[in-house]
């Protein structure tokens, strides 16, 4: 399956996801707002 390469909008690191993960693992409303799992964990920890 083809991978989508995405640059994290917070730290600038590049990571990849499968296109079918956008709606499940990455349930973001907009493809413009993408952060890597490390930054996402930091955001989630701050919100707890």
PDB file of N, CA and C in Angstrom:
ATOM      1  N   UNK A   1       0.844  -1.194   0.000  1.00  0.00           N
ATOM      2  CA  UNK A   1       0.000   0.000   0.000  1.00  0.00           C
ATOM      3  C   UNK A   1       0.886   1.252   0.000  1.00  0.00           C
ATOM      4  N   UNK A   2       0.452   2.249  -0.686  1.00  0.00           N
ATOM      5  CA  UNK A   2       1.190   3.509  -0.775  1.00  0.00           C
ATOM      6  C   UNK A   2       1.183   4.235   0.566  1.00  0.00           C
ATOM      7  N   UNK A   3       2.304   4.895   0.872  1.00  0.00           N
ATOM      8  CA  UNK A   3       2.423   5.659   2.119  1.00  0.00           C
ATOM      9  C   UNK A   3       2.310   7.138   1.816  1.00  0.00           C
ATOM     10  N   UNK A   4       1.771   7.879   2.764  1.00  0.00           N
ATOM     11  CA  UNK A   4       1.744   9.331   2.681  1.00  0.00           C
ATOM     12  C   UNK A   4       2.817   9.873   3.615  1.00  0.00           C
ATOM     13  N   UNK A   5       3.728  10.671   3.078  1.00  0.00           N
ATOM     14  CA  UNK A   5       4.767  11.296   3.901  1.00  0.00           C
ATOM     15  C   UNK A   5       4.262  12.664   4.334  1.00  0.00           C
ATOM     16  N   UNK A   6       4.324  12.915   5.623  1.00  0.00           N
ATOM     17  CA  UNK A   6       3.761  14.134   6.197  1.00  0.00           C
ATOM     18  C   UNK A   6       4.801  14.789   7.096  1.00  0.00           C
ATOM     19  N   UNK A   7       4.912  16.088   6.999  1.00  0.00           N
ATOM     20  CA  UNK A   7       5.801  16.831   7.894  1.00  0.00           C
ATOM     21  C   UNK A   7       4.996  17.293   9.097  1.00  0.00           C
ATOM     22  N   UNK A   8       5.510  17.018  10.282  1.00  0.00           N
ATOM     23  CA  UNK A   8       4.837  17.446  11.504  1.00  0.00           C
ATOM     24  C   UNK A   8       4.790  18.965  11.543  1.00  0.00           C
ATOM     25  N   UNK A   9       3.613  19.509  11.791  1.00  0.00           N
ATOM     26  CA  UNK A   9       3.435  20.953  11.809  1.00  0.00           C
ATOM     27  C   UNK A   9       3.958  21.594  13.086  1.00  0.00           C
ATOM     28  N   UNK A  10       4.331  20.765  14.061  1.00  0.00           N
ATOM     29  CA  UNK A  10       4.816  21.298  15.332  1.00  0.00           C
ATOM     30  C   UNK A  10       6.342  21.239  15.427  1.00  0.00           C
ATOM     31  N   UNK A  11       6.929  20.063  15.175  1.00  0.00           N
ATOM     32  CA  UNK A  11       8.380  19.930  15.348  1.00  0.00           C
ATOM     33  C   UNK A  11       9.139  19.823  14.028  1.00  0.00           C
ATOM     34  N   UNK A  12       8.427  19.601  12.922  1.00  0.00           N
ATOM     35  CA  UNK A  12       9.077  19.555  11.615  1.00  0.00           C
ATOM     36  C   UNK A  12       9.607  18.193  11.218  1.00  0.00           C
ATOM     37  N   UNK A  13       9.473  17.188  12.081  1.00  0.00           N
ATOM     38  CA  UNK A  13       9.935  15.858  11.701  1.00  0.00           C
ATOM     39  C   UNK A  13       9.005  15.282  10.630  1.00  0.00           C
ATOM     40  N   UNK A  14       9.535  14.356   9.851  1.00  0.00           N
ATOM     41  CA  UNK A  14       8.754  13.755   8.774  1.00  0.00           C
ATOM     42  C   UNK A  14       8.375  12.341   9.186  1.00  0.00           C
ATOM     43  N   UNK A  15       7.115  12.000   9.015  1.00  0.00           N
ATOM     44  CA  UNK A  15       6.639  10.652   9.334  1.00  0.00           C
ATOM     45  C   UNK A  15       5.684  10.214   8.247  1.00  0.00           C
ATOM     46  N   UNK A  16       5.369   8.929   8.225  1.00  0.00           N
ATOM     47  CA  UNK A  16       4.469   8.441   7.189  1.00  0.00           C
ATOM     48  C   UNK A  16       3.284   7.724   7.802  1.00  0.00           C
ATOM     49  N   UNK A  17       2.192   7.744   7.078  1.00  0.00           N
ATOM     50  CA  UNK A  17       0.998   6.995   7.445  1.00  0.00           C
ATOM     51  C   UNK A  17       0.431   6.370   6.179  1.00  0.00           C
ATOM     52  N   UNK A  18      -0.398   5.367   6.347  1.00  0.00           N
ATOM     53  CA  UNK A  18      -1.130   4.808   5.218  1.00  0.00           C
ATOM     54  C   UNK A  18      -2.367   5.669   4.983  1.00  0.00           C
ATOM     55  N   UNK A  19      -2.754   5.872   3.733  1.00  0.00           N
ATOM     56  CA  UNK A  19      -3.915   6.729   3.446  1.00  0.00           C
ATOM     57  C   UNK A  19      -5.182   6.327   4.201  1.00  0.00           C
ATOM     58  N   UNK A  20      -5.384   5.033   4.415  1.00  0.00           N
ATOM     59  CA  UNK A  20      -6.616   4.605   5.105  1.00  0.00           C
ATOM     60  C   UNK A  20      -6.567   4.850   6.609  1.00  0.00           C
ATOM     61  N   UNK A  21      -5.442   5.308   7.136  1.00  0.00           N
ATOM     62  CA  UNK A  21      -5.339   5.615   8.566  1.00  0.00           C
ATOM     63  C   UNK A  21      -5.819   7.022   8.895  1.00  0.00           C
ATOM     64  N   UNK A  22      -5.996   7.851   7.883  1.00  0.00           N
ATOM     65  CA  UNK A  22      -6.351   9.250   8.140  1.00  0.00           C
ATOM     66  C   UNK A  22      -7.640   9.362   8.940  1.00  0.00           C
ATOM     67  N   UNK A  23      -8.627   8.548   8.626  1.00  0.00           N
ATOM     68  CA  UNK A  23      -9.907   8.639   9.320  1.00  0.00           C
ATOM     69  C   UNK A  23      -9.982   7.868  10.616  1.00  0.00           C
ATOM     70  N   UNK A  24      -9.026   6.941  10.838  1.00  0.00           N
ATOM     71  CA  UNK A  24      -9.112   6.096  12.022  1.00  0.00           C
ATOM     72  C   UNK A  24      -8.043   6.437  13.047  1.00  0.00           C
ATOM     73  N   UNK A  25      -6.782   6.267  12.681  1.00  0.00           N
ATOM     74  CA  UNK A  25      -5.697   6.541  13.620  1.00  0.00           C
ATOM     75  C   UNK A  25      -5.474   8.038  13.757  1.00  0.00           C
ATOM     76  N   UNK A  26      -5.621   8.754  12.671  1.00  0.00           N
ATOM     77  CA  UNK A  26      -5.476  10.209  12.678  1.00  0.00           C
ATOM     78  C   UNK A  26      -6.817  10.840  12.334  1.00  0.00           C
ATOM     79  N   UNK A  27      -7.752  10.904  13.276  1.00  0.00           N
ATOM     80  CA  UNK A  27      -9.097  11.426  12.957  1.00  0.00           C
ATOM     81  C   UNK A  27      -9.148  12.944  12.912  1.00  0.00           C
ATOM     82  N   UNK A  28      -8.203  13.547  12.205  1.00  0.00           N
ATOM     83  CA  UNK A  28      -8.167  15.003  12.079  1.00  0.00           C
ATOM     84  C   UNK A  28      -9.200  15.437  11.054  1.00  0.00           C
ATOM     85  N   UNK A  29      -9.824  16.535  11.273  1.00  0.00           N
ATOM     86  CA  UNK A  29     -10.817  17.059  10.334  1.00  0.00           C
ATOM     87  C   UNK A  29     -10.147  17.618   9.086  1.00  0.00           C
ATOM     88  N   UNK A  30      -8.922  18.128   9.253  1.00  0.00           N
ATOM     89  CA  UNK A  30      -8.233  18.774   8.134  1.00  0.00           C
ATOM     90  C   UNK A  30      -6.860  18.172   7.935  1.00  0.00           C
ATOM     91  N   UNK A  31      -6.519  17.866   6.697  1.00  0.00           N
ATOM     92  CA  UNK A  31      -5.200  17.305   6.400  1.00  0.00           C
ATOM     93  C   UNK A  31      -4.107  18.337   6.651  1.00  0.00           C
ATOM     94  N   UNK A  32      -4.460  19.630   6.758  1.00  0.00           N
ATOM     95  CA  UNK A  32      -3.475  20.679   6.981  1.00  0.00           C
ATOM     96  C   UNK A  32      -2.899  20.628   8.394  1.00  0.00           C
ATOM     97  N   UNK A  33      -3.659  20.084   9.336  1.00  0.00           N
ATOM     98  CA  UNK A  33      -3.199  20.047  10.720  1.00  0.00           C
ATOM     99  C   UNK A  33      -2.741  18.632  11.036  1.00  0.00           C
ATOM    100  N   UNK A  34      -1.469  18.394  10.934  1.00  0.00           N
ATOM    101  CA  UNK A  34      -0.929  17.062  11.174  1.00  0.00           C
ATOM    102  C   UNK A  34       0.265  17.173  12.101  1.00  0.00           C
ATOM    103  N   UNK A  35       0.249  16.385  13.154  1.00  0.00           N
ATOM    104  CA  UNK A  35       1.399  16.339  14.053  1.00  0.00           C
ATOM    105  C   UNK A  35       1.807  14.885  14.253  1.00  0.00           C
ATOM    106  N   UNK A  36       3.082  14.673  14.526  1.00  0.00           N
ATOM    107  CA  UNK A  36       3.580  13.312  14.729  1.00  0.00           C
ATOM    108  C   UNK A  36       3.077  12.769  16.067  1.00  0.00           C
ATOM    109  N   UNK A  37       3.223  11.481  16.239  1.00  0.00           N
ATOM    110  CA  UNK A  37       2.693  10.846  17.451  1.00  0.00           C
ATOM    111  C   UNK A  37       3.369  11.367  18.717  1.00  0.00           C
ATOM    112  N   UNK A  38       4.661  11.719  18.626  1.00  0.00           N
ATOM    113  CA  UNK A  38       5.374  12.255  19.799  1.00  0.00           C
ATOM    114  C   UNK A  38       4.760  13.583  20.234  1.00  0.00           C
ATOM    115  N   UNK A  39       4.540  14.483  19.284  1.00  0.00           N
ATOM    116  CA  UNK A  39       3.941  15.779  19.612  1.00  0.00           C
ATOM    117  C   UNK A  39       2.490  15.602  20.060  1.00  0.00           C
ATOM    118  N   UNK A  40       1.802  14.652  19.453  1.00  0.00           N
ATOM    119  CA  UNK A  40       0.410  14.411  19.829  1.00  0.00           C
ATOM    120  C   UNK A  40       0.317  13.931  21.278  1.00  0.00           C
ATOM    121  N   UNK A  41       1.269  13.086  21.687  1.00  0.00           N
ATOM    122  CA  UNK A  41       1.301  12.626  23.079  1.00  0.00           C
ATOM    123  C   UNK A  41       1.570  13.795  24.022  1.00  0.00           C
ATOM    124  N   UNK A  42       2.474  14.688  23.640  1.00  0.00           N
ATOM    125  CA  UNK A  42       2.781  15.855  24.478  1.00  0.00           C
ATOM    126  C   UNK A  42       1.543  16.736  24.643  1.00  0.00           C
ATOM    127  N   UNK A  43       0.814  16.936  23.556  1.00  0.00           N
ATOM    128  CA  UNK A  43      -0.420  17.746  23.598  1.00  0.00           C
ATOM    129  C   UNK A  43      -1.447  17.069  24.508  1.00  0.00           C
ATOM    130  N   UNK A  44      -1.607  15.757  24.351  1.00  0.00           N
ATOM    131  CA  UNK A  44      -2.579  15.021  25.169  1.00  0.00           C
ATOM    132  C   UNK A  44      -2.193  15.055  26.652  1.00  0.00           C
ATOM    133  N   UNK A  45      -0.897  14.974  26.951  1.00  0.00           N
ATOM    134  CA  UNK A  45      -0.447  15.015  28.344  1.00  0.00           C
ATOM    135  C   UNK A  45      -0.726  16.388  28.972  1.00  0.00           C
ATOM    136  N   UNK A  46      -0.577  17.458  28.199  1.00  0.00           N
ATOM    137  CA  UNK A  46      -0.834  18.807  28.710  1.00  0.00           C
ATOM    138  C   UNK A  46      -2.317  19.019  28.979  1.00  0.00           C
ATOM    139  N   UNK A  47      -3.172  18.347  28.212  1.00  0.00           N
ATOM    140  CA  UNK A  47      -4.618  18.532  28.341  1.00  0.00           C
ATOM    141  C   UNK A  47      -5.225  17.694  29.461  1.00  0.00           C
ATOM    142  N   UNK A  48      -4.444  16.831  30.067  1.00  0.00           N
ATOM    143  CA  UNK A  48      -4.994  15.968  31.121  1.00  0.00           C
ATOM    144  C   UNK A  48      -4.947  16.641  32.480  1.00  0.00           C
TER     145      UNK A  48
END
